[in-house]
Amino acid sequence: MSTLERKGVSARRESLLGDEPGAFAVARFVRVTPQKARRVVDMVRGMHVDEALPLLRFAPQAAAENVYKLVASAAANAETTEGLDRSSLIISAATVDEGPTMKRWRPRARGAANRILKRTSHITVVVQPRDAVTQTRTRKANKKGGNR
């Protein structure tokens, strides 16, 4: 486990990290379409936190601001709750799931109306120390049978 003992482990932490060291942050109901958010998340997945933050800060996509805050929050969670060193953290997993869609109407010609879909996203970012990420990948490869 980590240097700090956890009293209770949430089901979400258990599903994302298991017994591995690391931390996560979740943003729900973000007013960005999942398709646009995935473009930004795919850019930073697997990067070091210290490399990803400047990249996100100056990325032209609107979703980059939300992902920046989430990566910074996950790194802060790793430092405070797990006692991990920020310089060794890697974004090991980042997912974007679809949230609820708000339906709106736009008036059109001749009394008609078109439907407008305002989509939302649930974004999850997991950070882990570099050595934990390589150990996890090695264990998964050995479990699957590795290179056959």
N, C-alpha and C. Protein backbone atom coordinates (compact mmCIF):
# COMPACT_ATOMS: atom_id res chain seq x y z
N MET A 1 0.83 -1.17 0.00
CA MET A 1 0.00 0.00 0.00
C MET A 1 0.88 1.24 0.00
N SER A 2 0.44 2.32 0.53
CA SER A 2 1.24 3.54 0.53
C SER A 2 1.77 3.80 1.94
N THR A 3 2.52 4.88 2.07
CA THR A 3 3.06 5.24 3.37
C THR A 3 1.95 5.68 4.32
N LEU A 4 0.89 6.26 3.78
CA LEU A 4 -0.26 6.65 4.59
C LEU A 4 -1.31 5.54 4.53
N GLU A 5 -1.81 5.12 5.67
CA GLU A 5 -2.81 4.06 5.70
C GLU A 5 -4.19 4.65 5.43
N ARG A 6 -4.93 3.98 4.57
CA ARG A 6 -6.29 4.41 4.27
C ARG A 6 -7.25 3.73 5.22
N LYS A 7 -8.23 4.48 5.72
CA LYS A 7 -9.22 3.89 6.62
C LYS A 7 -10.22 3.05 5.85
N GLY A 8 -10.81 3.62 4.81
CA GLY A 8 -11.77 2.89 3.99
C GLY A 8 -11.46 3.13 2.53
N VAL A 9 -11.67 2.13 1.73
CA VAL A 9 -11.39 2.26 0.31
C VAL A 9 -12.72 2.33 -0.42
N SER A 10 -12.89 3.38 -1.21
CA SER A 10 -14.14 3.54 -1.94
C SER A 10 -14.19 2.52 -3.08
N ALA A 11 -15.39 2.23 -3.51
CA ALA A 11 -15.57 1.29 -4.61
C ALA A 11 -14.97 1.85 -5.89
N ARG A 12 -15.05 3.17 -6.08
CA ARG A 12 -14.49 3.78 -7.28
C ARG A 12 -12.97 3.66 -7.29
N ARG A 13 -12.32 3.90 -6.13
CA ARG A 13 -10.87 3.77 -6.05
C ARG A 13 -10.46 2.32 -6.29
N GLU A 14 -11.23 1.41 -5.74
CA GLU A 14 -10.94 -0.02 -5.90
C GLU A 14 -11.01 -0.42 -7.38
N SER A 15 -12.01 0.10 -8.10
CA SER A 15 -12.15 -0.28 -9.51
C SER A 15 -11.09 0.39 -10.39
N LEU A 16 -10.66 1.60 -10.02
CA LEU A 16 -9.68 2.31 -10.85
C LEU A 16 -8.24 1.90 -10.55
N LEU A 17 -7.91 1.71 -9.27
CA LEU A 17 -6.52 1.47 -8.90
C LEU A 17 -6.27 0.13 -8.21
N GLY A 18 -7.25 -0.42 -7.53
CA GLY A 18 -7.03 -1.64 -6.77
C GLY A 18 -6.10 -1.36 -5.61
N ASP A 19 -5.06 -2.19 -5.46
CA ASP A 19 -4.09 -1.99 -4.37
C ASP A 19 -2.89 -1.16 -4.80
N GLU A 20 -2.89 -0.70 -6.05
CA GLU A 20 -1.76 0.05 -6.59
C GLU A 20 -1.72 1.46 -5.98
N PRO A 21 -0.54 2.04 -5.85
CA PRO A 21 -0.45 3.43 -5.40
C PRO A 21 -0.91 4.37 -6.52
N GLY A 22 -1.50 5.47 -6.14
CA GLY A 22 -1.96 6.43 -7.13
C GLY A 22 -3.18 7.17 -6.62
N ALA A 23 -3.69 8.06 -7.44
CA ALA A 23 -4.85 8.85 -7.08
C ALA A 23 -5.65 9.15 -8.35
N PHE A 24 -6.85 9.66 -8.15
CA PHE A 24 -7.70 9.97 -9.30
C PHE A 24 -8.53 11.21 -8.99
N ALA A 25 -9.10 11.76 -10.06
CA ALA A 25 -10.02 12.88 -9.94
C ALA A 25 -11.11 12.68 -10.98
N VAL A 26 -12.33 13.07 -10.63
CA VAL A 26 -13.48 12.88 -11.51
C VAL A 26 -14.22 14.21 -11.64
N ALA A 27 -14.57 14.57 -12.87
CA ALA A 27 -15.42 15.73 -13.12
C ALA A 27 -16.67 15.21 -13.82
N ARG A 28 -17.81 15.46 -13.23
CA ARG A 28 -19.06 14.96 -13.81
C ARG A 28 -19.89 16.12 -14.33
N PHE A 29 -20.71 15.82 -15.32
CA PHE A 29 -21.63 16.78 -15.92
C PHE A 29 -20.91 17.99 -16.51
N VAL A 30 -19.77 17.75 -17.13
CA VAL A 30 -19.00 18.82 -17.77
C VAL A 30 -19.68 19.15 -19.10
N ARG A 31 -19.93 20.42 -19.34
CA ARG A 31 -20.66 20.84 -20.54
C ARG A 31 -19.76 20.88 -21.77
N VAL A 32 -19.19 19.75 -22.11
CA VAL A 32 -18.39 19.57 -23.31
C VAL A 32 -18.82 18.23 -23.90
N THR A 33 -18.92 18.16 -25.20
CA THR A 33 -19.33 16.89 -25.79
C THR A 33 -18.23 15.85 -25.56
N PRO A 34 -18.62 14.59 -25.35
CA PRO A 34 -17.62 13.55 -25.11
C PRO A 34 -16.62 13.41 -26.26
N GLN A 35 -17.07 13.60 -27.48
CA GLN A 35 -16.19 13.47 -28.64
C GLN A 35 -15.06 14.50 -28.57
N LYS A 36 -15.38 15.74 -28.23
CA LYS A 36 -14.37 16.79 -28.15
C LYS A 36 -13.46 16.60 -26.94
N ALA A 37 -14.02 16.11 -25.83
CA ALA A 37 -13.21 15.87 -24.63
C ALA A 37 -12.24 14.72 -24.86
N ARG A 38 -12.67 13.70 -25.60
CA ARG A 38 -11.78 12.56 -25.86
C ARG A 38 -10.56 12.97 -26.68
N ARG A 39 -10.73 13.92 -27.58
CA ARG A 39 -9.57 14.40 -28.36
C ARG A 39 -8.48 14.94 -27.44
N VAL A 40 -8.89 15.68 -26.42
CA VAL A 40 -7.93 16.28 -25.49
C VAL A 40 -7.34 15.22 -24.57
N VAL A 41 -8.18 14.32 -24.05
CA VAL A 41 -7.72 13.29 -23.13
C VAL A 41 -6.74 12.34 -23.82
N ASP A 42 -7.01 12.01 -25.08
CA ASP A 42 -6.11 11.12 -25.83
C ASP A 42 -4.72 11.74 -26.00
N MET A 43 -4.68 13.08 -26.01
CA MET A 43 -3.41 13.79 -26.18
C MET A 43 -2.49 13.57 -24.98
N VAL A 44 -3.06 13.50 -23.77
CA VAL A 44 -2.22 13.49 -22.56
C VAL A 44 -2.12 12.13 -21.89
N ARG A 45 -2.90 11.15 -22.31
CA ARG A 45 -2.86 9.83 -21.67
C ARG A 45 -1.46 9.24 -21.82
N GLY A 46 -0.89 8.79 -20.71
CA GLY A 46 0.44 8.19 -20.71
C GLY A 46 1.58 9.18 -20.51
N MET A 47 1.27 10.48 -20.45
CA MET A 47 2.31 11.50 -20.26
C MET A 47 2.60 11.72 -18.78
N HIS A 48 3.77 12.31 -18.51
CA HIS A 48 4.08 12.77 -17.16
C HIS A 48 3.19 13.96 -16.84
N VAL A 49 2.82 14.10 -15.59
CA VAL A 49 1.94 15.20 -15.18
C VAL A 49 2.60 16.55 -15.47
N ASP A 50 3.91 16.64 -15.21
CA ASP A 50 4.62 17.92 -15.43
C ASP A 50 4.72 18.29 -16.91
N GLU A 51 4.61 17.31 -17.80
CA GLU A 51 4.60 17.61 -19.24
C GLU A 51 3.19 17.91 -19.73
N ALA A 52 2.20 17.23 -19.15
CA ALA A 52 0.82 17.36 -19.61
C ALA A 52 0.21 18.71 -19.24
N LEU A 53 0.54 19.23 -18.06
CA LEU A 53 -0.08 20.49 -17.61
C LEU A 53 0.24 21.67 -18.53
N PRO A 54 1.51 21.91 -18.92
CA PRO A 54 1.75 23.02 -19.86
C PRO A 54 1.11 22.79 -21.22
N LEU A 55 1.07 21.54 -21.67
CA LEU A 55 0.43 21.23 -22.95
C LEU A 55 -1.05 21.58 -22.90
N LEU A 56 -1.72 21.20 -21.81
CA LEU A 56 -3.14 21.49 -21.67
C LEU A 56 -3.42 22.97 -21.49
N ARG A 57 -2.51 23.65 -20.82
CA ARG A 57 -2.72 25.08 -20.54
C ARG A 57 -2.81 25.90 -21.83
N PHE A 58 -2.04 25.51 -22.84
CA PHE A 58 -2.00 26.29 -24.07
C PHE A 58 -2.66 25.58 -25.26
N ALA A 59 -3.37 24.50 -24.99
CA ALA A 59 -4.09 23.81 -26.07
C ALA A 59 -5.28 24.65 -26.50
N PRO A 60 -5.58 24.72 -27.79
CA PRO A 60 -6.66 25.59 -28.26
C PRO A 60 -8.06 25.05 -28.00
N GLN A 61 -8.21 23.78 -27.65
CA GLN A 61 -9.53 23.20 -27.45
C GLN A 61 -10.15 23.71 -26.15
N ALA A 62 -11.45 23.91 -26.17
CA ALA A 62 -12.16 24.40 -24.99
C ALA A 62 -12.15 23.36 -23.86
N ALA A 63 -12.15 22.09 -24.20
CA ALA A 63 -12.15 21.03 -23.20
C ALA A 63 -10.83 20.94 -22.44
N ALA A 64 -9.77 21.53 -22.99
CA ALA A 64 -8.45 21.45 -22.37
C ALA A 64 -8.43 22.10 -20.98
N GLU A 65 -9.22 23.14 -20.78
CA GLU A 65 -9.26 23.81 -19.48
C GLU A 65 -9.80 22.87 -18.40
N ASN A 66 -10.87 22.15 -18.72
CA ASN A 66 -11.43 21.20 -17.76
C ASN A 66 -10.47 20.05 -17.47
N VAL A 67 -9.83 19.54 -18.50
CA VAL A 67 -8.89 18.43 -18.31
C VAL A 67 -7.66 18.91 -17.53
N TYR A 68 -7.23 20.14 -17.77
CA TYR A 68 -6.10 20.72 -17.02
C TYR A 68 -6.41 20.73 -15.52
N LYS A 69 -7.59 21.23 -15.18
CA LYS A 69 -7.99 21.28 -13.76
C LYS A 69 -8.06 19.89 -13.16
N LEU A 70 -8.52 18.94 -13.95
CA LEU A 70 -8.66 17.57 -13.46
C LEU A 70 -7.31 16.91 -13.23
N VAL A 71 -6.38 17.10 -14.14
CA VAL A 71 -5.03 16.54 -13.97
C VAL A 71 -4.34 17.17 -12.77
N ALA A 72 -4.48 18.49 -12.62
CA ALA A 72 -3.90 19.17 -11.47
C ALA A 72 -4.51 18.67 -10.16
N SER A 73 -5.80 18.43 -10.16
CA SER A 73 -6.48 17.92 -8.97
C SER A 73 -6.04 16.50 -8.64
N ALA A 74 -5.90 15.65 -9.64
CA ALA A 74 -5.45 14.28 -9.42
C ALA A 74 -4.03 14.26 -8.86
N ALA A 75 -3.17 15.14 -9.38
CA ALA A 75 -1.79 15.23 -8.89
C ALA A 75 -1.77 15.71 -7.44
N ALA A 76 -2.61 16.70 -7.12
CA ALA A 76 -2.69 17.20 -5.75
C ALA A 76 -3.22 16.12 -4.81
N ASN A 77 -4.20 15.34 -5.27
CA ASN A 77 -4.72 14.23 -4.46
C ASN A 77 -3.63 13.20 -4.19
N ALA A 78 -2.79 12.93 -5.20
CA ALA A 78 -1.71 11.95 -5.03
C ALA A 78 -0.70 12.45 -4.01
N GLU A 79 -0.42 13.75 -4.04
CA GLU A 79 0.55 14.31 -3.09
C GLU A 79 0.01 14.32 -1.67
N THR A 80 -1.23 14.77 -1.51
CA THR A 80 -1.75 14.95 -0.15
C THR A 80 -2.25 13.65 0.48
N THR A 81 -3.03 12.87 -0.25
CA THR A 81 -3.61 11.67 0.37
C THR A 81 -2.69 10.46 0.31
N GLU A 82 -1.88 10.35 -0.72
CA GLU A 82 -1.02 9.18 -0.88
C GLU A 82 0.44 9.44 -0.52
N GLY A 83 0.83 10.71 -0.45
CA GLY A 83 2.21 11.04 -0.14
C GLY A 83 3.17 10.73 -1.28
N LEU A 84 2.70 10.81 -2.51
CA LEU A 84 3.54 10.50 -3.67
C LEU A 84 4.25 11.75 -4.18
N ASP A 85 5.38 11.54 -4.85
CA ASP A 85 6.16 12.63 -5.41
C ASP A 85 5.57 13.04 -6.75
N ARG A 86 5.28 14.33 -6.93
CA ARG A 86 4.64 14.82 -8.14
C ARG A 86 5.48 14.58 -9.40
N SER A 87 6.81 14.66 -9.26
CA SER A 87 7.67 14.53 -10.44
C SER A 87 7.67 13.11 -11.01
N SER A 88 7.20 12.13 -10.24
CA SER A 88 7.20 10.75 -10.73
C SER A 88 5.83 10.31 -11.26
N LEU A 89 4.85 11.21 -11.24
CA LEU A 89 3.49 10.82 -11.61
C LEU A 89 3.27 10.79 -13.12
N ILE A 90 2.55 9.77 -13.56
CA ILE A 90 2.17 9.60 -14.96
C ILE A 90 0.66 9.47 -15.01
N ILE A 91 0.05 10.00 -16.07
CA ILE A 91 -1.38 9.83 -16.27
C ILE A 91 -1.58 8.43 -16.82
N SER A 92 -1.90 7.49 -15.94
CA SER A 92 -1.97 6.09 -16.34
C SER A 92 -3.28 5.76 -17.04
N ALA A 93 -4.36 6.44 -16.67
CA ALA A 93 -5.65 6.20 -17.31
C ALA A 93 -6.44 7.50 -17.35
N ALA A 94 -7.13 7.71 -18.43
CA ALA A 94 -8.00 8.88 -18.56
C ALA A 94 -9.16 8.47 -19.46
N THR A 95 -10.37 8.61 -18.94
CA THR A 95 -11.54 8.20 -19.70
C THR A 95 -12.55 9.32 -19.76
N VAL A 96 -13.34 9.29 -20.82
CA VAL A 96 -14.44 10.24 -20.98
C VAL A 96 -15.69 9.42 -21.26
N ASP A 97 -16.67 9.53 -20.38
CA ASP A 97 -17.94 8.84 -20.56
C ASP A 97 -19.02 9.87 -20.84
N GLU A 98 -20.07 9.42 -21.48
CA GLU A 98 -21.16 10.31 -21.83
C GLU A 98 -22.06 10.55 -20.64
N GLY A 99 -22.39 11.81 -20.39
CA GLY A 99 -23.33 12.16 -19.34
C GLY A 99 -24.71 12.36 -19.94
N PRO A 100 -25.62 12.92 -19.17
CA PRO A 100 -26.97 13.16 -19.70
C PRO A 100 -26.96 14.23 -20.78
N THR A 101 -27.89 14.12 -21.69
CA THR A 101 -28.01 15.08 -22.78
C THR A 101 -29.21 15.98 -22.52
N MET A 102 -28.99 17.29 -22.57
CA MET A 102 -30.10 18.23 -22.40
C MET A 102 -30.71 18.48 -23.77
N LYS A 103 -32.03 18.40 -23.84
CA LYS A 103 -32.72 18.63 -25.11
C LYS A 103 -33.30 20.03 -25.12
N ARG A 104 -33.01 20.76 -26.18
CA ARG A 104 -33.52 22.12 -26.35
C ARG A 104 -34.14 22.24 -27.72
N TRP A 105 -34.96 23.29 -27.94
CA TRP A 105 -35.63 23.50 -29.22
C TRP A 105 -35.22 24.82 -29.82
N ARG A 106 -34.99 24.82 -31.12
CA ARG A 106 -34.67 26.04 -31.84
C ARG A 106 -35.79 26.31 -32.85
N PRO A 107 -36.39 27.49 -32.78
CA PRO A 107 -37.46 27.81 -33.73
C PRO A 107 -36.91 27.91 -35.15
N ARG A 108 -37.68 27.41 -36.09
CA ARG A 108 -37.30 27.46 -37.50
C ARG A 108 -38.43 28.11 -38.30
N ALA A 109 -38.25 28.18 -39.58
CA ALA A 109 -39.23 28.84 -40.45
C ALA A 109 -40.56 28.09 -40.47
N ARG A 110 -41.62 28.82 -40.70
CA ARG A 110 -42.98 28.29 -40.85
C ARG A 110 -43.46 27.56 -39.61
N GLY A 111 -43.04 28.00 -38.45
CA GLY A 111 -43.54 27.43 -37.20
C GLY A 111 -42.93 26.09 -36.83
N ALA A 112 -41.92 25.67 -37.55
CA ALA A 112 -41.28 24.39 -37.23
C ALA A 112 -40.25 24.59 -36.12
N ALA A 113 -39.75 23.48 -35.60
CA ALA A 113 -38.73 23.55 -34.55
C ALA A 113 -37.73 22.42 -34.77
N ASN A 114 -36.47 22.70 -34.52
CA ASN A 114 -35.41 21.69 -34.59
C ASN A 114 -34.93 21.39 -33.18
N ARG A 115 -34.54 20.16 -32.97
CA ARG A 115 -34.03 19.77 -31.66
C ARG A 115 -32.54 20.06 -31.57
N ILE A 116 -32.13 20.63 -30.46
CA ILE A 116 -30.71 20.88 -30.17
C ILE A 116 -30.31 19.95 -29.03
N LEU A 117 -29.24 19.20 -29.19
CA LEU A 117 -28.76 18.30 -28.15
C LEU A 117 -27.52 18.90 -27.50
N LYS A 118 -27.63 19.23 -26.23
CA LYS A 118 -26.49 19.77 -25.49
C LYS A 118 -25.92 18.64 -24.64
N ARG A 119 -24.80 18.09 -25.10
CA ARG A 119 -24.23 16.91 -24.48
C ARG A 119 -23.32 17.26 -23.30
N THR A 120 -23.22 16.33 -22.36
CA THR A 120 -22.33 16.49 -21.21
C THR A 120 -21.41 15.28 -21.11
N SER A 121 -20.34 15.43 -20.34
CA SER A 121 -19.33 14.38 -20.20
C SER A 121 -19.01 14.13 -18.74
N HIS A 122 -18.58 12.91 -18.45
CA HIS A 122 -18.00 12.56 -17.17
C HIS A 122 -16.54 12.21 -17.48
N ILE A 123 -15.59 12.97 -16.93
CA ILE A 123 -14.17 12.78 -17.23
C ILE A 123 -13.47 12.25 -15.98
N THR A 124 -12.68 11.20 -16.14
CA THR A 124 -11.92 10.59 -15.04
C THR A 124 -10.44 10.56 -15.41
N VAL A 125 -9.58 10.99 -14.49
CA VAL A 125 -8.14 10.97 -14.71
C VAL A 125 -7.49 10.22 -13.54
N VAL A 126 -6.63 9.24 -13.85
CA VAL A 126 -5.92 8.46 -12.84
C VAL A 126 -4.42 8.72 -13.01
N VAL A 127 -3.75 9.07 -11.91
CA VAL A 127 -2.29 9.25 -11.95
C VAL A 127 -1.65 8.23 -11.03
N GLN A 128 -0.51 7.71 -11.48
CA GLN A 128 0.25 6.73 -10.71
C GLN A 128 1.74 7.03 -10.84
N PRO A 129 2.54 6.59 -9.87
CA PRO A 129 3.99 6.73 -10.03
C PRO A 129 4.48 5.88 -11.20
N ARG A 130 5.56 6.30 -11.81
CA ARG A 130 6.08 5.63 -13.01
C ARG A 130 6.36 4.16 -12.75
N ASP A 131 6.98 3.81 -11.62
CA ASP A 131 7.32 2.41 -11.36
C ASP A 131 6.07 1.55 -11.17
N ALA A 132 5.00 2.08 -10.60
CA ALA A 132 3.76 1.31 -10.43
C ALA A 132 3.11 1.03 -11.78
N VAL A 133 3.20 1.98 -12.71
CA VAL A 133 2.60 1.79 -14.03
C VAL A 133 3.32 0.67 -14.79
N THR A 134 4.65 0.65 -14.74
CA THR A 134 5.39 -0.39 -15.46
C THR A 134 5.17 -1.76 -14.82
N GLN A 135 5.06 -1.82 -13.49
CA GLN A 135 4.80 -3.09 -12.82
C GLN A 135 3.42 -3.62 -13.18
N THR A 136 2.44 -2.74 -13.24
CA THR A 136 1.08 -3.15 -13.57
C THR A 136 1.03 -3.68 -14.99
N ARG A 137 1.67 -3.00 -15.93
CA ARG A 137 1.66 -3.46 -17.32
C ARG A 137 2.36 -4.80 -17.46
N THR A 138 3.45 -5.01 -16.71
CA THR A 138 4.17 -6.28 -16.77
C THR A 138 3.30 -7.39 -16.22
N ARG A 139 2.61 -7.14 -15.09
CA ARG A 139 1.74 -8.14 -14.50
C ARG A 139 0.59 -8.51 -15.44
N LYS A 140 0.00 -7.51 -16.09
CA LYS A 140 -1.11 -7.79 -17.02
C LYS A 140 -0.63 -8.60 -18.21
N ALA A 141 0.57 -8.29 -18.71
CA ALA A 141 1.11 -9.02 -19.85
C ALA A 141 1.39 -10.48 -19.45
N ASN A 142 1.93 -10.69 -18.25
CA ASN A 142 2.20 -12.05 -17.79
C ASN A 142 0.91 -12.82 -17.58
N LYS A 143 -0.12 -12.14 -17.10
CA LYS A 143 -1.41 -12.79 -16.85
C LYS A 143 -2.05 -13.25 -18.16
N LYS A 144 -1.92 -12.42 -19.20
CA LYS A 144 -2.49 -12.77 -20.50
C LYS A 144 -1.66 -13.80 -21.23
N GLY A 145 -0.44 -14.01 -20.82
CA GLY A 145 0.40 -14.97 -21.51
C GLY A 145 1.55 -14.32 -22.23
N GLY A 146 1.62 -12.99 -22.17
CA GLY A 146 2.74 -12.28 -22.79
C GLY A 146 2.78 -12.46 -24.29
N ASN A 147 3.97 -12.53 -24.84
CA ASN A 147 4.15 -12.74 -26.28
C ASN A 147 4.11 -14.24 -26.55
N ARG A 148 3.12 -14.65 -27.26
CA ARG A 148 2.97 -16.09 -27.51
C ARG A 148 3.64 -16.49 -28.79
